[in-house]
Amino acid sequence: MAQAQFKRIVGFGASTIYGYGDSAGGFLERIKRWHQSQGDRNFVYNLGIFGDTLTGMAERFSKEVPQRKPNLIIVYAGYNEIRRVSSPDQEMLVALDQQMAKLRQILKSAKAICETLVINGFPFDQTKTTPFVNTDSYYLLADAELYCQQVIETAKVENCLSIDLFSAWSKLDYQRLLYQDGLHANDLGHQNMFELAQAKIVQ
């Protein structure tokens, strides 16, 4: 396997960056094990916080990312602001245009440091997210698809690398890639994300 062109990698985002749902620690942990095994100067930093939002990410970026002196920043925000509270008929927690404004803020800050890879979300099992287990939050696939399209469009405008995970998984039997809660990825899902990200990293 070809080696990565980047020595220091930061993963920045919410629960999927954190590695929730994967017994191996998540796709970023898989990147870490692969990448750091290739050289003692290779480092991968996990800056994922379960439940974080684009708003929260924008607020903590400058405090957490520049200090790691990355050569590559992987941004995966997740769906925490597209949820609808109490009813599927309510508005999203944060309007899409406001979410994209926060994403642009993050990407501009990231690109000022180094190359940036943006990964959007993946399709989920709506039968398990309306409402999501033990919550009053509703996650709708139609919202997710629109959000994911805008994430990729924003990444292109900001001249970032990107992986359209939503489109890629939509062509697969993605149910087998989902964790038991229907919203997060399982071991197979994280392995798939690892392979897609790895292909970008070694380009």
N, C-alpha and C. Protein backbone atom coordinates (compact mmCIF):
# COMPACT_ATOMS: atom_id res chain seq x y z
N MET A 1 0.85 -1.20 0.00
CA MET A 1 0.00 0.00 0.00
C MET A 1 0.87 1.24 0.00
N ALA A 2 0.58 2.17 -0.88
CA ALA A 2 1.32 3.42 -0.94
C ALA A 2 1.20 4.19 0.37
N GLN A 3 2.22 4.93 0.70
CA GLN A 3 2.19 5.70 1.93
C GLN A 3 1.48 7.02 1.73
N ALA A 4 0.92 7.54 2.82
CA ALA A 4 0.23 8.82 2.76
C ALA A 4 1.22 9.95 2.53
N GLN A 5 0.77 10.98 1.83
CA GLN A 5 1.62 12.15 1.60
C GLN A 5 1.57 13.10 2.78
N PHE A 6 0.66 12.85 3.71
CA PHE A 6 0.48 13.72 4.87
C PHE A 6 1.03 13.04 6.12
N LYS A 7 1.79 13.76 6.93
CA LYS A 7 2.38 13.18 8.14
C LYS A 7 1.47 13.33 9.35
N ARG A 8 0.89 14.51 9.50
CA ARG A 8 0.08 14.80 10.69
C ARG A 8 -1.36 15.05 10.26
N ILE A 9 -2.26 14.20 10.71
CA ILE A 9 -3.66 14.23 10.31
C ILE A 9 -4.53 14.51 11.52
N VAL A 10 -5.46 15.44 11.37
CA VAL A 10 -6.45 15.75 12.40
C VAL A 10 -7.83 15.37 11.89
N GLY A 11 -8.56 14.59 12.68
CA GLY A 11 -9.96 14.31 12.40
C GLY A 11 -10.82 15.20 13.29
N PHE A 12 -11.72 15.97 12.69
CA PHE A 12 -12.47 16.99 13.42
C PHE A 12 -13.96 16.79 13.16
N GLY A 13 -14.75 16.62 14.23
CA GLY A 13 -16.17 16.42 14.01
C GLY A 13 -16.89 15.91 15.24
N ALA A 14 -17.91 15.09 14.99
CA ALA A 14 -18.78 14.62 16.07
C ALA A 14 -18.60 13.12 16.29
N SER A 15 -19.72 12.38 16.46
CA SER A 15 -19.65 11.00 16.93
C SER A 15 -18.98 10.04 15.95
N THR A 16 -19.10 10.28 14.66
CA THR A 16 -18.48 9.37 13.70
C THR A 16 -16.96 9.54 13.70
N ILE A 17 -16.46 10.76 13.85
CA ILE A 17 -15.03 10.96 14.03
C ILE A 17 -14.59 10.31 15.35
N TYR A 18 -15.38 10.50 16.38
CA TYR A 18 -15.07 9.92 17.69
C TYR A 18 -14.96 8.40 17.62
N GLY A 19 -15.77 7.78 16.73
CA GLY A 19 -15.69 6.34 16.53
C GLY A 19 -16.85 5.55 17.07
N TYR A 20 -17.94 6.22 17.38
CA TYR A 20 -19.09 5.54 17.98
C TYR A 20 -19.64 4.46 17.04
N GLY A 21 -19.96 3.30 17.61
CA GLY A 21 -20.59 2.22 16.86
C GLY A 21 -19.63 1.19 16.32
N ASP A 22 -18.32 1.44 16.45
CA ASP A 22 -17.31 0.54 15.88
C ASP A 22 -16.47 -0.08 17.00
N SER A 23 -16.40 -1.39 17.05
CA SER A 23 -15.64 -2.07 18.09
C SER A 23 -14.14 -1.82 17.97
N ALA A 24 -13.71 -1.38 16.78
CA ALA A 24 -12.28 -1.09 16.56
C ALA A 24 -11.93 0.37 16.82
N GLY A 25 -12.91 1.17 17.24
CA GLY A 25 -12.64 2.56 17.59
C GLY A 25 -12.98 3.58 16.54
N GLY A 26 -13.51 3.14 15.39
CA GLY A 26 -13.93 4.08 14.36
C GLY A 26 -13.00 4.15 13.18
N PHE A 27 -13.48 4.75 12.09
CA PHE A 27 -12.68 4.81 10.87
C PHE A 27 -11.41 5.63 11.06
N LEU A 28 -11.47 6.65 11.93
CA LEU A 28 -10.27 7.45 12.16
C LEU A 28 -9.23 6.65 12.95
N GLU A 29 -9.68 5.83 13.88
CA GLU A 29 -8.74 4.96 14.60
C GLU A 29 -8.09 3.96 13.65
N ARG A 30 -8.85 3.49 12.67
CA ARG A 30 -8.29 2.59 11.65
C ARG A 30 -7.23 3.32 10.82
N ILE A 31 -7.52 4.59 10.48
CA ILE A 31 -6.52 5.40 9.78
C ILE A 31 -5.28 5.57 10.64
N LYS A 32 -5.49 5.82 11.92
CA LYS A 32 -4.37 6.02 12.84
C LYS A 32 -3.47 4.78 12.88
N ARG A 33 -4.06 3.60 13.03
CA ARG A 33 -3.26 2.38 13.13
C ARG A 33 -2.48 2.13 11.84
N TRP A 34 -3.13 2.36 10.72
CA TRP A 34 -2.46 2.16 9.44
C TRP A 34 -1.36 3.19 9.23
N HIS A 35 -1.71 4.45 9.44
CA HIS A 35 -0.80 5.56 9.13
C HIS A 35 0.41 5.57 10.06
N GLN A 36 0.17 5.41 11.35
CA GLN A 36 1.26 5.50 12.30
C GLN A 36 2.18 4.29 12.25
N SER A 37 1.68 3.19 11.68
CA SER A 37 2.54 2.02 11.52
C SER A 37 3.56 2.22 10.40
N GLN A 38 3.34 3.25 9.58
CA GLN A 38 4.22 3.49 8.43
C GLN A 38 5.40 4.41 8.74
N GLY A 39 5.39 5.01 9.91
CA GLY A 39 6.51 5.90 10.25
C GLY A 39 6.34 6.51 11.61
N ASP A 40 7.43 6.67 12.33
CA ASP A 40 7.34 7.21 13.69
C ASP A 40 7.14 8.71 13.72
N ARG A 41 7.09 9.33 12.55
CA ARG A 41 6.79 10.77 12.47
C ARG A 41 5.35 11.00 12.01
N ASN A 42 4.60 9.92 11.86
CA ASN A 42 3.20 10.02 11.44
C ASN A 42 2.30 10.07 12.68
N PHE A 43 1.37 11.01 12.67
CA PHE A 43 0.47 11.16 13.81
C PHE A 43 -0.96 11.40 13.31
N VAL A 44 -1.94 10.84 14.04
CA VAL A 44 -3.35 11.09 13.76
C VAL A 44 -4.01 11.50 15.07
N TYR A 45 -4.69 12.64 15.05
CA TYR A 45 -5.33 13.18 16.25
C TYR A 45 -6.85 13.14 16.08
N ASN A 46 -7.52 12.56 17.06
CA ASN A 46 -8.98 12.46 17.04
C ASN A 46 -9.58 13.60 17.86
N LEU A 47 -10.22 14.54 17.16
CA LEU A 47 -10.87 15.67 17.81
C LEU A 47 -12.38 15.59 17.61
N GLY A 48 -12.90 14.37 17.77
CA GLY A 48 -14.34 14.15 17.66
C GLY A 48 -15.01 14.20 19.01
N ILE A 49 -16.16 14.87 19.08
CA ILE A 49 -16.95 14.95 20.31
C ILE A 49 -18.37 14.47 20.00
N PHE A 50 -18.81 13.44 20.72
CA PHE A 50 -20.15 12.90 20.51
C PHE A 50 -21.19 14.00 20.72
N GLY A 51 -22.09 14.14 19.74
CA GLY A 51 -23.17 15.12 19.85
C GLY A 51 -22.80 16.54 19.44
N ASP A 52 -21.56 16.76 19.01
CA ASP A 52 -21.17 18.11 18.64
C ASP A 52 -21.89 18.56 17.37
N THR A 53 -21.97 19.87 17.21
CA THR A 53 -22.66 20.48 16.08
C THR A 53 -21.68 21.32 15.29
N LEU A 54 -22.08 21.75 14.11
CA LEU A 54 -21.25 22.68 13.34
C LEU A 54 -21.02 23.96 14.12
N THR A 55 -22.02 24.40 14.88
CA THR A 55 -21.87 25.59 15.71
C THR A 55 -20.78 25.37 16.75
N GLY A 56 -20.83 24.22 17.42
CA GLY A 56 -19.82 23.90 18.42
C GLY A 56 -18.45 23.72 17.82
N MET A 57 -18.41 23.08 16.65
CA MET A 57 -17.14 22.86 15.97
C MET A 57 -16.50 24.18 15.58
N ALA A 58 -17.30 25.10 15.07
CA ALA A 58 -16.77 26.40 14.67
C ALA A 58 -16.19 27.14 15.87
N GLU A 59 -16.80 26.97 17.04
CA GLU A 59 -16.33 27.66 18.24
C GLU A 59 -15.03 27.06 18.77
N ARG A 60 -14.83 25.75 18.62
CA ARG A 60 -13.64 25.13 19.21
C ARG A 60 -12.49 24.92 18.23
N PHE A 61 -12.70 25.19 16.95
CA PHE A 61 -11.68 24.90 15.96
C PHE A 61 -10.33 25.55 16.30
N SER A 62 -10.33 26.85 16.52
CA SER A 62 -9.07 27.56 16.71
C SER A 62 -8.36 27.16 18.00
N LYS A 63 -9.10 26.60 18.96
CA LYS A 63 -8.51 26.19 20.23
C LYS A 63 -7.89 24.80 20.16
N GLU A 64 -8.31 23.99 19.18
CA GLU A 64 -7.91 22.59 19.18
C GLU A 64 -7.08 22.15 17.98
N VAL A 65 -7.31 22.75 16.82
CA VAL A 65 -6.70 22.22 15.59
C VAL A 65 -5.31 22.78 15.30
N PRO A 66 -5.10 24.10 15.26
CA PRO A 66 -3.79 24.62 14.83
C PRO A 66 -2.62 24.08 15.66
N GLN A 67 -2.86 23.82 16.96
CA GLN A 67 -1.78 23.37 17.83
C GLN A 67 -1.22 22.02 17.41
N ARG A 68 -2.00 21.22 16.69
CA ARG A 68 -1.53 19.90 16.23
C ARG A 68 -0.66 19.99 14.98
N LYS A 69 -0.59 21.17 14.39
CA LYS A 69 0.22 21.41 13.18
C LYS A 69 -0.04 20.35 12.10
N PRO A 70 -1.31 20.21 11.71
CA PRO A 70 -1.65 19.15 10.74
C PRO A 70 -1.21 19.46 9.32
N ASN A 71 -1.03 18.40 8.54
CA ASN A 71 -0.84 18.49 7.10
C ASN A 71 -2.13 18.17 6.36
N LEU A 72 -3.06 17.54 7.08
CA LEU A 72 -4.38 17.21 6.53
C LEU A 72 -5.40 17.28 7.65
N ILE A 73 -6.53 17.93 7.37
CA ILE A 73 -7.65 17.98 8.31
C ILE A 73 -8.83 17.27 7.67
N ILE A 74 -9.38 16.28 8.37
CA ILE A 74 -10.58 15.58 7.91
C ILE A 74 -11.76 16.12 8.69
N VAL A 75 -12.74 16.67 7.99
CA VAL A 75 -13.92 17.26 8.63
C VAL A 75 -15.14 16.38 8.35
N TYR A 76 -15.75 15.89 9.42
CA TYR A 76 -16.99 15.12 9.32
C TYR A 76 -17.92 15.62 10.42
N ALA A 77 -18.94 16.36 10.05
CA ALA A 77 -19.76 17.05 11.03
C ALA A 77 -20.90 16.20 11.59
N GLY A 78 -21.50 15.35 10.76
CA GLY A 78 -22.65 14.59 11.23
C GLY A 78 -23.96 15.34 11.11
N TYR A 79 -24.97 14.81 11.79
CA TYR A 79 -26.35 15.27 11.58
C TYR A 79 -26.97 15.96 12.79
N ASN A 80 -26.17 16.42 13.72
CA ASN A 80 -26.74 16.87 15.00
C ASN A 80 -27.58 18.14 14.91
N GLU A 81 -27.46 18.89 13.81
CA GLU A 81 -28.28 20.10 13.69
C GLU A 81 -29.43 19.96 12.69
N ILE A 82 -29.53 18.80 12.02
CA ILE A 82 -30.67 18.63 11.13
C ILE A 82 -31.86 18.02 11.85
N ARG A 83 -31.67 17.59 13.10
CA ARG A 83 -32.75 16.91 13.82
C ARG A 83 -33.92 17.86 14.08
N ARG A 84 -35.07 17.28 14.14
CA ARG A 84 -36.29 18.02 14.46
C ARG A 84 -36.76 17.57 15.84
N VAL A 85 -37.00 18.49 16.72
CA VAL A 85 -37.30 18.17 18.11
C VAL A 85 -38.81 18.10 18.35
N SER A 86 -39.23 17.02 19.00
CA SER A 86 -40.62 16.78 19.44
C SER A 86 -41.52 16.24 18.35
N SER A 87 -41.28 16.62 17.09
CA SER A 87 -42.16 16.18 16.01
C SER A 87 -41.43 16.30 14.67
N PRO A 88 -41.72 15.38 13.73
CA PRO A 88 -41.11 15.52 12.40
C PRO A 88 -41.64 16.72 11.64
N ASP A 89 -42.67 17.35 12.15
CA ASP A 89 -43.24 18.53 11.51
C ASP A 89 -42.59 19.83 11.97
N GLN A 90 -41.75 19.75 12.98
CA GLN A 90 -41.04 20.94 13.44
C GLN A 90 -39.93 21.31 12.46
N GLU A 91 -39.41 22.52 12.60
CA GLU A 91 -38.27 22.93 11.78
C GLU A 91 -37.00 22.23 12.27
N MET A 92 -35.99 22.15 11.40
CA MET A 92 -34.70 21.64 11.84
C MET A 92 -34.18 22.47 13.01
N LEU A 93 -33.35 21.84 13.83
CA LEU A 93 -32.79 22.54 14.99
C LEU A 93 -32.09 23.81 14.54
N VAL A 94 -31.34 23.74 13.44
CA VAL A 94 -30.67 24.91 12.85
C VAL A 94 -30.94 24.90 11.36
N ALA A 95 -31.33 26.01 10.80
CA ALA A 95 -31.64 26.09 9.37
C ALA A 95 -30.41 25.74 8.54
N LEU A 96 -30.64 25.13 7.37
CA LEU A 96 -29.54 24.66 6.54
C LEU A 96 -28.58 25.79 6.13
N ASP A 97 -29.12 26.96 5.82
CA ASP A 97 -28.23 28.04 5.40
C ASP A 97 -27.31 28.47 6.55
N GLN A 98 -27.81 28.39 7.76
CA GLN A 98 -26.97 28.73 8.92
C GLN A 98 -25.93 27.64 9.16
N GLN A 99 -26.32 26.38 8.95
CA GLN A 99 -25.35 25.28 9.07
C GLN A 99 -24.22 25.43 8.07
N MET A 100 -24.57 25.75 6.83
CA MET A 100 -23.55 25.89 5.80
C MET A 100 -22.65 27.10 6.05
N ALA A 101 -23.19 28.13 6.67
CA ALA A 101 -22.36 29.29 7.03
C ALA A 101 -21.30 28.88 8.05
N LYS A 102 -21.68 28.05 9.01
CA LYS A 102 -20.73 27.55 9.99
C LYS A 102 -19.70 26.62 9.33
N LEU A 103 -20.17 25.77 8.40
CA LEU A 103 -19.25 24.88 7.70
C LEU A 103 -18.24 25.69 6.90
N ARG A 104 -18.69 26.74 6.21
CA ARG A 104 -17.77 27.58 5.45
C ARG A 104 -16.73 28.21 6.37
N GLN A 105 -17.17 28.64 7.54
CA GLN A 105 -16.25 29.22 8.52
C GLN A 105 -15.17 28.21 8.92
N ILE A 106 -15.59 26.98 9.19
CA ILE A 106 -14.65 25.92 9.57
C ILE A 106 -13.68 25.63 8.43
N LEU A 107 -14.21 25.51 7.22
CA LEU A 107 -13.37 25.14 6.08
C LEU A 107 -12.39 26.25 5.72
N LYS A 108 -12.81 27.49 5.84
CA LYS A 108 -11.88 28.60 5.58
C LYS A 108 -10.73 28.57 6.59
N SER A 109 -11.06 28.30 7.85
CA SER A 109 -10.02 28.21 8.87
C SER A 109 -9.11 27.03 8.62
N ALA A 110 -9.70 25.91 8.22
CA ALA A 110 -8.91 24.71 7.96
C ALA A 110 -7.99 24.89 6.76
N LYS A 111 -8.52 25.45 5.68
CA LYS A 111 -7.72 25.63 4.47
C LYS A 111 -6.57 26.62 4.68
N ALA A 112 -6.72 27.50 5.63
CA ALA A 112 -5.64 28.43 5.94
C ALA A 112 -4.45 27.72 6.59
N ILE A 113 -4.70 26.50 7.07
CA ILE A 113 -3.65 25.71 7.72
C ILE A 113 -3.06 24.68 6.77
N CYS A 114 -3.92 23.91 6.09
CA CYS A 114 -3.44 22.80 5.27
C CYS A 114 -4.57 22.25 4.40
N GLU A 115 -4.24 21.20 3.65
CA GLU A 115 -5.24 20.50 2.84
C GLU A 115 -6.36 20.00 3.73
N THR A 116 -7.59 20.06 3.21
CA THR A 116 -8.75 19.67 4.00
C THR A 116 -9.63 18.71 3.21
N LEU A 117 -10.03 17.63 3.88
CA LEU A 117 -10.91 16.61 3.30
C LEU A 117 -12.25 16.65 4.02
N VAL A 118 -13.32 16.87 3.27
CA VAL A 118 -14.67 16.93 3.83
C VAL A 118 -15.42 15.65 3.48
N ILE A 119 -16.02 15.04 4.48
CA ILE A 119 -16.84 13.84 4.27
C ILE A 119 -18.25 14.15 4.76
N ASN A 120 -19.24 13.95 3.88
CA ASN A 120 -20.61 14.20 4.33
C ASN A 120 -21.16 12.96 5.04
N GLY A 121 -22.43 12.98 5.41
CA GLY A 121 -23.03 11.88 6.15
C GLY A 121 -23.47 10.74 5.26
N PHE A 122 -23.98 9.68 5.89
CA PHE A 122 -24.45 8.51 5.15
C PHE A 122 -25.94 8.31 5.41
N PRO A 123 -26.64 7.59 4.52
CA PRO A 123 -28.05 7.32 4.75
C PRO A 123 -28.24 6.41 5.97
N PHE A 124 -29.35 6.59 6.65
CA PHE A 124 -29.62 5.83 7.88
C PHE A 124 -30.98 5.16 7.81
N ASP A 125 -31.33 4.45 8.87
CA ASP A 125 -32.60 3.72 8.94
C ASP A 125 -33.64 4.61 9.60
N GLN A 126 -34.48 5.25 8.79
CA GLN A 126 -35.44 6.22 9.32
C GLN A 126 -36.46 5.58 10.25
N THR A 127 -36.69 4.28 10.13
CA THR A 127 -37.64 3.62 11.03
C THR A 127 -37.14 3.64 12.47
N LYS A 128 -35.81 3.84 12.64
CA LYS A 128 -35.23 3.87 13.98
C LYS A 128 -34.87 5.29 14.44
N THR A 129 -35.12 6.27 13.58
CA THR A 129 -34.73 7.64 13.92
C THR A 129 -35.91 8.59 14.02
N THR A 130 -37.15 8.02 14.02
CA THR A 130 -38.35 8.87 14.08
C THR A 130 -39.31 8.36 15.16
N PRO A 131 -39.02 8.60 16.43
CA PRO A 131 -37.87 9.33 16.96
C PRO A 131 -36.67 8.41 17.18
N PHE A 132 -35.52 9.04 17.39
CA PHE A 132 -34.31 8.30 17.72
C PHE A 132 -34.43 7.75 19.13
N VAL A 133 -33.84 6.60 19.37
CA VAL A 133 -34.02 5.87 20.62
C VAL A 133 -33.79 6.75 21.86
N ASN A 134 -34.75 6.70 22.77
CA ASN A 134 -34.69 7.39 24.06
C ASN A 134 -34.53 8.91 23.94
N THR A 135 -35.01 9.46 22.83
CA THR A 135 -34.96 10.92 22.66
C THR A 135 -36.27 11.40 22.05
N ASP A 136 -36.41 12.71 21.96
CA ASP A 136 -37.54 13.30 21.23
C ASP A 136 -37.05 13.94 19.95
N SER A 137 -35.94 13.42 19.41
CA SER A 137 -35.34 13.94 18.18
C SER A 137 -35.71 13.08 16.99
N TYR A 138 -36.06 13.73 15.89
CA TYR A 138 -36.44 13.05 14.65
C TYR A 138 -35.42 13.38 13.57
N TYR A 139 -34.86 12.33 12.97
CA TYR A 139 -33.91 12.49 11.87
C TYR A 139 -34.56 11.94 10.60
N LEU A 140 -34.71 12.79 9.59
CA LEU A 140 -35.40 12.42 8.37
C LEU A 140 -34.39 12.28 7.22
N LEU A 141 -34.56 11.22 6.42
CA LEU A 141 -33.65 10.97 5.31
C LEU A 141 -33.67 12.10 4.28
N ALA A 142 -34.83 12.67 4.05
CA ALA A 142 -34.93 13.77 3.09
C ALA A 142 -34.09 14.96 3.54
N ASP A 143 -34.11 15.25 4.84
CA ASP A 143 -33.28 16.32 5.38
C ASP A 143 -31.80 15.98 5.21
N ALA A 144 -31.46 14.72 5.51
CA ALA A 144 -30.07 14.28 5.43
C ALA A 144 -29.54 14.39 4.00
N GLU A 145 -30.34 13.99 3.03
CA GLU A 145 -29.90 14.03 1.65
C GLU A 145 -29.63 15.46 1.19
N LEU A 146 -30.55 16.37 1.53
CA LEU A 146 -30.36 17.77 1.16
C LEU A 146 -29.14 18.36 1.85
N TYR A 147 -29.00 18.06 3.13
CA TYR A 147 -27.85 18.54 3.89
C TYR A 147 -26.55 18.04 3.27
N CYS A 148 -26.51 16.75 2.94
CA CYS A 148 -25.29 16.15 2.39
C CYS A 148 -24.92 16.74 1.03
N GLN A 149 -25.93 17.04 0.23
CA GLN A 149 -25.67 17.69 -1.06
C GLN A 149 -25.01 19.05 -0.84
N GLN A 150 -25.51 19.79 0.13
CA GLN A 150 -24.98 21.12 0.39
C GLN A 150 -23.58 21.07 1.00
N VAL A 151 -23.31 20.03 1.79
CA VAL A 151 -21.97 19.87 2.35
C VAL A 151 -20.95 19.71 1.22
N ILE A 152 -21.27 18.84 0.24
CA ILE A 152 -20.35 18.61 -0.88
C ILE A 152 -20.22 19.87 -1.73
N GLU A 153 -21.32 20.57 -1.98
CA GLU A 153 -21.25 21.80 -2.76
C GLU A 153 -20.38 22.85 -2.06
N THR A 154 -20.53 22.94 -0.74
CA THR A 154 -19.74 23.90 0.04
C THR A 154 -18.26 23.53 0.00
N ALA A 155 -17.97 22.25 0.10
CA ALA A 155 -16.58 21.79 0.02
C ALA A 155 -15.96 22.17 -1.33
N LYS A 156 -16.73 22.01 -2.40
CA LYS A 156 -16.21 22.36 -3.73
C LYS A 156 -15.97 23.85 -3.86
N VAL A 157 -16.88 24.66 -3.34
CA VAL A 157 -16.72 26.11 -3.39
C VAL A 157 -15.45 26.52 -2.65
N GLU A 158 -15.16 25.83 -1.54
CA GLU A 158 -13.99 26.16 -0.73
C GLU A 158 -12.73 25.43 -1.20
N ASN A 159 -12.83 24.73 -2.34
CA ASN A 159 -11.69 24.03 -2.92
C ASN A 159 -11.08 22.99 -1.99
N CYS A 160 -11.96 22.24 -1.32
CA CYS A 160 -11.53 21.17 -0.44
C CYS A 160 -11.71 19.82 -1.13
N LEU A 161 -10.90 18.86 -0.75
CA LEU A 161 -11.16 17.48 -1.15
C LEU A 161 -12.46 17.03 -0.52
N SER A 162 -13.15 16.07 -1.13
CA SER A 162 -14.42 15.62 -0.54
C SER A 162 -14.70 14.17 -0.88
N ILE A 163 -15.49 13.56 -0.02
CA ILE A 163 -16.04 12.22 -0.25
C ILE A 163 -17.53 12.31 -0.07
N ASP A 164 -18.29 12.00 -1.12
CA ASP A 164 -19.75 12.02 -1.05
C ASP A 164 -20.22 10.66 -0.54
N LEU A 165 -20.16 10.51 0.76
CA LEU A 165 -20.50 9.24 1.40
C LEU A 165 -21.97 8.90 1.22
N PHE A 166 -22.83 9.91 1.26
CA PHE A 166 -24.26 9.66 1.12
C PHE A 166 -24.56 9.00 -0.22
N SER A 167 -23.99 9.52 -1.29
CA SER A 167 -24.21 8.94 -2.62
C SER A 167 -23.60 7.55 -2.72
N ALA A 168 -22.39 7.38 -2.17
CA ALA A 168 -21.72 6.09 -2.25
C ALA A 168 -22.51 5.00 -1.53
N TRP A 169 -23.00 5.30 -0.34
CA TRP A 169 -23.75 4.29 0.42
C TRP A 169 -25.13 4.05 -0.16
N SER A 170 -25.69 5.06 -0.81
CA SER A 170 -27.02 4.90 -1.41
C SER A 170 -27.02 3.85 -2.51
N LYS A 171 -25.84 3.56 -3.07
CA LYS A 171 -25.71 2.55 -4.12
C LYS A 171 -25.47 1.16 -3.54
N LEU A 172 -25.34 1.07 -2.22
CA LEU A 172 -25.05 -0.19 -1.55
C LEU A 172 -26.25 -0.66 -0.73
N ASP A 173 -26.16 -1.88 -0.22
CA ASP A 173 -27.11 -2.36 0.78
C ASP A 173 -26.65 -1.77 2.12
N TYR A 174 -26.91 -0.47 2.31
CA TYR A 174 -26.28 0.24 3.41
C TYR A 174 -26.80 -0.16 4.79
N GLN A 175 -27.95 -0.85 4.83
CA GLN A 175 -28.47 -1.28 6.13
C GLN A 175 -27.47 -2.16 6.87
N ARG A 176 -26.70 -2.93 6.12
CA ARG A 176 -25.72 -3.82 6.77
C ARG A 176 -24.52 -3.05 7.30
N LEU A 177 -24.40 -1.76 6.96
CA LEU A 177 -23.30 -0.93 7.42
C LEU A 177 -23.66 -0.10 8.65
N LEU A 178 -24.90 -0.25 9.12
CA LEU A 178 -25.40 0.58 10.21
C LEU A 178 -25.31 -0.12 11.56
N TYR A 179 -25.01 0.66 12.57
CA TYR A 179 -25.03 0.20 13.95
C TYR A 179 -26.48 -0.08 14.36
N GLN A 180 -26.67 -0.76 15.46
CA GLN A 180 -28.00 -1.18 15.88
C GLN A 180 -28.97 -0.03 16.13
N ASP A 181 -28.45 1.18 16.39
CA ASP A 181 -29.36 2.32 16.60
C ASP A 181 -29.88 2.90 15.30
N GLY A 182 -29.37 2.42 14.15
CA GLY A 182 -29.87 2.86 12.85
C GLY A 182 -29.32 4.18 12.36
N LEU A 183 -28.61 4.91 13.21
CA LEU A 183 -28.14 6.24 12.85
C LEU A 183 -26.63 6.31 12.67
N HIS A 184 -25.92 5.46 13.38
CA HIS A 184 -24.47 5.45 13.30
C HIS A 184 -23.97 4.25 12.49
N ALA A 185 -22.71 4.26 12.16
CA ALA A 185 -22.11 3.16 11.39
C ALA A 185 -21.60 2.07 12.33
N ASN A 186 -21.63 0.82 11.84
CA ASN A 186 -21.07 -0.29 12.59
C ASN A 186 -19.64 -0.57 12.12
N ASP A 187 -19.10 -1.71 12.50
CA ASP A 187 -17.73 -2.06 12.12
C ASP A 187 -17.54 -2.04 10.60
N LEU A 188 -18.49 -2.65 9.88
CA LEU A 188 -18.40 -2.69 8.42
C LEU A 188 -18.48 -1.29 7.82
N GLY A 189 -19.34 -0.47 8.40
CA GLY A 189 -19.48 0.90 7.91
C GLY A 189 -18.22 1.71 8.11
N HIS A 190 -17.63 1.58 9.29
CA HIS A 190 -16.40 2.31 9.56
C HIS A 190 -15.25 1.79 8.69
N GLN A 191 -15.25 0.49 8.42
CA GLN A 191 -14.22 -0.05 7.53
C GLN A 191 -14.36 0.52 6.13
N ASN A 192 -15.61 0.65 5.67
CA ASN A 192 -15.86 1.25 4.36
C ASN A 192 -15.37 2.71 4.32
N MET A 193 -15.68 3.47 5.38
CA MET A 193 -15.22 4.86 5.44
C MET A 193 -13.71 4.94 5.48
N PHE A 194 -13.08 4.04 6.22
CA PHE A 194 -11.63 3.99 6.27
C PHE A 194 -11.04 3.80 4.87
N GLU A 195 -11.60 2.86 4.11
CA GLU A 195 -11.07 2.57 2.78
C GLU A 195 -11.24 3.76 1.84
N LEU A 196 -12.39 4.43 1.92
CA LEU A 196 -12.63 5.60 1.07
C LEU A 196 -11.69 6.74 1.45
N ALA A 197 -11.51 6.97 2.75
CA ALA A 197 -10.62 8.03 3.19
C ALA A 197 -9.17 7.70 2.87
N GLN A 198 -8.79 6.46 3.07
CA GLN A 198 -7.42 6.04 2.78
C GLN A 198 -7.06 6.29 1.31
N ALA A 199 -8.01 6.01 0.42
CA ALA A 199 -7.77 6.23 -1.01
C ALA A 199 -7.49 7.71 -1.30
N LYS A 200 -8.15 8.61 -0.57
CA LYS A 200 -7.90 10.04 -0.74
C LYS A 200 -6.55 10.45 -0.15
N ILE A 201 -6.22 9.84 0.98
CA ILE A 201 -5.00 10.22 1.70
C ILE A 201 -3.75 9.85 0.92
N VAL A 202 -3.80 8.74 0.16
CA VAL A 202 -2.59 8.28 -0.53
C VAL A 202 -2.51 8.79 -1.96
N GLN A 203 -3.45 9.62 -2.38
CA GLN A 203 -3.41 10.16 -3.75
C GLN A 203 -2.15 10.98 -3.98
